[in-house]
């Protein structure tokens, strides 16, 4: 199941990172890392929200967590 989450993250993250990089290069010129930085920070925020929501949710809602993790 973990591999599936990694694949899904890559399927979403890679195109978004590429598009943001192309947009940043168009705005700021070649060699700009702003696009990748913005996508990485936003992705980290999203991941933190998902993990935080998992910790706050009742055990019956933790469909993405292993059965041993649900208390």
N, C-alpha and C. Protein backbone atom coordinates (compact mmCIF):
# COMPACT_ATOMS: atom_id res chain seq x y z
N UNK A 1 0.82 -1.19 0.00
CA UNK A 1 0.00 0.00 0.00
C UNK A 1 0.87 1.26 0.00
N UNK A 2 2.00 1.19 0.69
CA UNK A 2 2.89 2.35 0.72
C UNK A 2 3.40 2.69 -0.68
N UNK A 3 3.73 1.68 -1.45
CA UNK A 3 4.22 1.91 -2.81
C UNK A 3 3.16 2.62 -3.64
N UNK A 4 1.89 2.27 -3.43
CA UNK A 4 0.81 2.92 -4.15
C UNK A 4 0.75 4.41 -3.83
N UNK A 5 0.91 4.76 -2.57
CA UNK A 5 0.90 6.19 -2.17
C UNK A 5 2.08 6.93 -2.79
N UNK A 6 3.23 6.27 -2.86
CA UNK A 6 4.41 6.89 -3.46
C UNK A 6 4.17 7.13 -4.95
N UNK A 7 3.60 6.15 -5.62
CA UNK A 7 3.31 6.30 -7.05
C UNK A 7 2.29 7.41 -7.28
N UNK A 8 1.23 7.43 -6.48
CA UNK A 8 0.22 8.48 -6.62
C UNK A 8 0.81 9.87 -6.37
N UNK A 9 1.68 9.97 -5.36
CA UNK A 9 2.34 11.24 -5.10
C UNK A 9 3.22 11.69 -6.25
N UNK A 10 3.92 10.74 -6.86
CA UNK A 10 4.77 11.07 -8.00
C UNK A 10 3.94 11.46 -9.22
N UNK A 11 2.81 10.77 -9.41
CA UNK A 11 1.94 11.08 -10.55
C UNK A 11 1.36 12.50 -10.45
N UNK A 12 1.12 12.95 -9.25
CA UNK A 12 0.59 14.31 -9.06
C UNK A 12 1.74 15.31 -8.96
N UNK A 13 2.74 15.00 -8.19
CA UNK A 13 3.80 15.96 -7.89
C UNK A 13 4.71 16.31 -9.05
N UNK A 14 5.08 15.33 -9.84
CA UNK A 14 6.03 15.58 -10.93
C UNK A 14 5.48 16.54 -11.99
N UNK A 15 4.27 16.34 -12.49
CA UNK A 15 3.76 17.30 -13.48
C UNK A 15 3.53 18.70 -12.90
N UNK A 16 3.09 18.76 -11.66
CA UNK A 16 2.88 20.07 -11.02
C UNK A 16 4.22 20.78 -10.85
N UNK A 17 5.23 20.04 -10.41
CA UNK A 17 6.56 20.62 -10.25
C UNK A 17 7.11 21.11 -11.59
N UNK A 18 6.90 20.32 -12.64
CA UNK A 18 7.38 20.72 -13.96
C UNK A 18 6.66 21.98 -14.45
N UNK A 19 5.33 22.01 -14.31
CA UNK A 19 4.56 23.18 -14.75
C UNK A 19 4.96 24.43 -13.95
N UNK A 20 5.14 24.28 -12.65
CA UNK A 20 5.55 25.42 -11.83
C UNK A 20 6.94 25.90 -12.22
N UNK A 21 7.83 24.97 -12.54
CA UNK A 21 9.17 25.34 -12.96
C UNK A 21 9.13 26.10 -14.28
N UNK A 22 8.36 25.61 -15.24
CA UNK A 22 8.24 26.31 -16.54
C UNK A 22 7.66 27.71 -16.35
N UNK A 23 6.68 27.84 -15.49
CA UNK A 23 6.08 29.15 -15.22
C UNK A 23 7.09 30.08 -14.56
N UNK A 24 7.86 29.57 -13.60
CA UNK A 24 8.86 30.39 -12.92
C UNK A 24 9.97 30.82 -13.88
N UNK A 25 10.37 29.93 -14.77
CA UNK A 25 11.41 30.27 -15.75
C UNK A 25 10.90 31.36 -16.69
N UNK A 26 9.62 31.26 -17.07
CA UNK A 26 9.06 32.29 -17.94
C UNK A 26 9.03 33.65 -17.24
N UNK A 27 8.73 33.65 -15.93
CA UNK A 27 8.64 34.91 -15.18
C UNK A 27 10.00 35.44 -14.74
N UNK A 28 10.87 34.54 -14.26
CA UNK A 28 12.11 34.99 -13.62
C UNK A 28 13.37 34.70 -14.43
N UNK A 29 13.25 33.94 -15.51
CA UNK A 29 14.42 33.63 -16.33
C UNK A 29 14.99 32.27 -16.02
N UNK A 30 15.90 31.85 -16.87
CA UNK A 30 16.52 30.53 -16.72
C UNK A 30 17.28 30.42 -15.41
N UNK A 31 17.27 29.25 -14.84
CA UNK A 31 18.00 29.02 -13.59
C UNK A 31 17.19 29.34 -12.35
N UNK A 32 15.93 29.72 -12.51
CA UNK A 32 15.09 30.03 -11.36
C UNK A 32 14.63 28.75 -10.68
N UNK A 33 14.71 28.73 -9.37
CA UNK A 33 14.26 27.57 -8.60
C UNK A 33 12.98 27.87 -7.83
N UNK A 34 12.37 29.01 -8.11
CA UNK A 34 11.18 29.42 -7.37
C UNK A 34 10.03 28.43 -7.56
N UNK A 35 9.81 27.96 -8.78
CA UNK A 35 8.71 27.03 -9.03
C UNK A 35 8.83 25.75 -8.24
N UNK A 36 10.00 25.15 -8.26
CA UNK A 36 10.22 23.91 -7.52
C UNK A 36 10.11 24.17 -6.02
N UNK A 37 10.62 25.28 -5.55
CA UNK A 37 10.53 25.61 -4.14
C UNK A 37 9.08 25.74 -3.69
N UNK A 38 8.26 26.44 -4.47
CA UNK A 38 6.85 26.62 -4.12
C UNK A 38 6.13 25.28 -4.09
N UNK A 39 6.36 24.43 -5.09
CA UNK A 39 5.69 23.12 -5.12
C UNK A 39 6.15 22.25 -3.96
N UNK A 40 7.42 22.26 -3.64
CA UNK A 40 7.92 21.45 -2.52
C UNK A 40 7.35 21.92 -1.18
N UNK A 41 7.27 23.21 -0.98
CA UNK A 41 6.70 23.74 0.27
C UNK A 41 5.21 23.41 0.35
N UNK A 42 4.49 23.60 -0.76
CA UNK A 42 3.06 23.29 -0.77
C UNK A 42 2.82 21.79 -0.56
N UNK A 43 3.63 20.95 -1.18
CA UNK A 43 3.51 19.51 -0.98
C UNK A 43 3.80 19.09 0.45
N UNK A 44 4.78 19.71 1.06
CA UNK A 44 5.09 19.42 2.46
C UNK A 44 3.95 19.84 3.38
N UNK A 45 3.35 20.98 3.08
CA UNK A 45 2.20 21.45 3.85
C UNK A 45 1.04 20.47 3.71
N UNK A 46 0.76 20.05 2.49
CA UNK A 46 -0.34 19.11 2.26
C UNK A 46 -0.08 17.79 2.97
N UNK A 47 1.13 17.28 2.89
CA UNK A 47 1.47 16.03 3.57
C UNK A 47 1.32 16.18 5.09
N UNK A 48 1.75 17.31 5.62
CA UNK A 48 1.59 17.56 7.05
C UNK A 48 0.13 17.61 7.47
N UNK A 49 -0.71 18.21 6.64
CA UNK A 49 -2.15 18.26 6.95
C UNK A 49 -2.77 16.87 6.92
N UNK A 50 -2.38 16.06 5.95
CA UNK A 50 -2.92 14.69 5.86
C UNK A 50 -2.49 13.87 7.07
N UNK A 51 -1.22 13.93 7.42
CA UNK A 51 -0.73 13.15 8.56
C UNK A 51 -1.34 13.67 9.86
N UNK A 52 -1.47 14.98 9.98
CA UNK A 52 -2.09 15.56 11.17
C UNK A 52 -3.55 15.17 11.29
N UNK A 53 -4.26 15.14 10.17
CA UNK A 53 -5.67 14.74 10.18
C UNK A 53 -5.80 13.28 10.59
N UNK A 54 -4.85 12.47 10.17
CA UNK A 54 -4.89 11.06 10.55
C UNK A 54 -4.76 10.91 12.06
N UNK A 55 -3.91 11.72 12.67
CA UNK A 55 -3.71 11.62 14.11
C UNK A 55 -4.90 12.12 14.90
N UNK A 56 -5.70 13.02 14.32
CA UNK A 56 -6.85 13.59 15.02
C UNK A 56 -8.14 12.82 14.77
N UNK A 57 -8.16 11.97 13.76
CA UNK A 57 -9.39 11.29 13.39
C UNK A 57 -9.65 10.09 14.29
N UNK A 58 -10.94 9.74 14.43
CA UNK A 58 -11.26 8.52 15.18
C UNK A 58 -10.66 7.30 14.49
N UNK A 59 -10.36 6.26 15.22
CA UNK A 59 -9.73 5.07 14.62
C UNK A 59 -10.51 4.48 13.46
N UNK A 60 -11.84 4.54 13.49
CA UNK A 60 -12.63 3.93 12.43
C UNK A 60 -12.46 4.68 11.10
N UNK A 61 -11.99 5.91 11.13
CA UNK A 61 -11.79 6.69 9.90
C UNK A 61 -10.41 6.47 9.30
N UNK A 62 -9.57 5.77 9.97
CA UNK A 62 -8.18 5.59 9.52
C UNK A 62 -8.07 4.46 8.53
N UNK A 63 -8.75 4.56 7.41
CA UNK A 63 -8.73 3.53 6.39
C UNK A 63 -7.37 3.41 5.72
N UNK A 64 -6.54 4.46 5.81
CA UNK A 64 -5.24 4.43 5.15
C UNK A 64 -4.14 3.95 6.08
N UNK A 65 -4.46 3.77 7.35
CA UNK A 65 -3.45 3.34 8.32
C UNK A 65 -3.55 1.82 8.53
N UNK A 66 -2.43 1.18 8.84
CA UNK A 66 -2.48 -0.25 9.16
C UNK A 66 -3.38 -0.50 10.36
N UNK A 67 -3.96 -1.69 10.45
CA UNK A 67 -4.87 -2.02 11.54
C UNK A 67 -4.17 -1.90 12.89
N UNK A 68 -2.88 -2.17 12.94
CA UNK A 68 -2.15 -2.08 14.20
C UNK A 68 -1.99 -0.64 14.66
N UNK A 69 -2.08 0.32 13.74
CA UNK A 69 -1.93 1.73 14.11
C UNK A 69 -3.22 2.31 14.67
N UNK A 70 -4.36 1.72 14.34
CA UNK A 70 -5.64 2.21 14.85
C UNK A 70 -5.79 1.75 16.29
N UNK A 71 -6.03 2.69 17.17
CA UNK A 71 -6.09 2.36 18.60
C UNK A 71 -7.52 2.27 19.06
